Amino acid sequence: MSVTKSEVLRLYKNLIQYSKALTLTDPAYFRKRVTSEFRKNKNLNKPDDITFAYQKGEALLRRGSVV
């Protein structure tokens, strides 16, 4: 599975929207963590690493059943 830039941006947007629905976790803290993780992973070059990071974010959304 090859992940495109638009898919990554959509995941980021969905995670930020998900933070607004959080009740048991501080939404500002969650947004800060999401942003820092995306910044940390912005230099990934290997397709396998990119796919793994993308799937990790997708799994978080599935657990929260937002998407």
Protein backbone atom coordinates (compact mmCIF):
# COMPACT_ATOMS: atom_id res chain seq x y z
CA MET A 1 0.00 0.00 0.00
CA SER A 2 1.44 3.30 -1.08
CA VAL A 3 0.29 6.28 0.96
CA THR A 4 -0.10 9.60 -0.84
CA LYS A 5 0.50 13.05 0.56
CA SER A 6 -3.21 13.86 0.35
CA GLU A 7 -4.05 10.75 2.40
CA VAL A 8 -1.58 11.81 5.08
CA LEU A 9 -3.05 15.32 5.18
CA ARG A 10 -6.57 13.88 5.41
CA LEU A 11 -5.46 11.69 8.32
CA TYR A 12 -4.00 14.74 10.08
CA LYS A 13 -7.23 16.67 9.57
CA ASN A 14 -9.32 13.75 10.85
CA LEU A 15 -7.16 13.37 13.95
CA ILE A 16 -7.46 17.08 14.73
CA GLN A 17 -11.24 16.84 14.31
CA TYR A 18 -11.25 13.76 16.53
CA SER A 19 -9.56 15.78 19.28
CA LYS A 20 -12.62 18.03 19.46
CA ALA A 21 -14.80 15.05 20.43
CA LEU A 22 -12.57 13.84 23.27
CA THR A 23 -14.05 13.92 26.74
CA LEU A 24 -11.67 11.86 28.89
CA THR A 25 -8.48 13.30 27.43
CA ASP A 26 -7.42 16.93 27.22
CA PRO A 27 -8.08 17.96 23.57
CA ALA A 28 -5.20 20.47 23.56
CA TYR A 29 -2.77 17.80 24.76
CA PHE A 30 -4.01 15.37 22.10
CA ARG A 31 -3.61 17.97 19.32
CA LYS A 32 -0.09 18.75 20.56
CA ARG A 33 0.84 15.06 20.47
CA VAL A 34 -0.64 14.60 16.98
CA THR A 35 1.25 17.62 15.68
CA SER A 36 4.53 16.50 17.25
CA GLU A 37 4.17 12.97 15.85
CA PHE A 38 3.51 14.28 12.35
CA ARG A 39 6.52 16.61 12.59
CA LYS A 40 8.69 13.77 13.88
CA ASN A 41 7.65 11.54 10.97
CA LYS A 42 7.81 14.13 8.19
CA ASN A 43 11.26 12.95 7.11
CA LEU A 44 10.34 9.30 6.65
CA ASN A 45 11.56 8.06 3.28
CA LYS A 46 10.96 4.33 3.20
CA PRO A 47 7.50 3.38 1.93
CA ASP A 48 7.19 0.71 4.63
CA ASP A 49 7.89 3.25 7.39
CA ILE A 50 5.39 5.72 5.93
CA THR A 51 2.73 3.02 5.62
CA PHE A 52 3.34 1.86 9.20
CA ALA A 53 3.00 5.40 10.60
CA TYR A 54 -0.14 5.98 8.52
CA GLN A 55 -1.74 2.75 9.67
CA LYS A 56 -0.91 3.63 13.27
CA GLY A 57 -2.87 6.88 12.91
CA GLU A 58 -5.75 5.12 11.16
CA ALA A 59 -5.93 2.57 13.98
CA LEU A 60 -6.27 5.39 16.49
CA LEU A 61 -9.25 6.76 14.58
CA ARG A 62 -10.85 3.32 14.27
CA ARG A 63 -10.57 2.78 18.02
CA GLY A 64 -12.34 6.07 18.55
CA SER A 65 -14.85 5.14 15.82
CA VAL A 66 -14.80 8.65 14.36
CA VAL A 67 -14.30 7.71 10.71
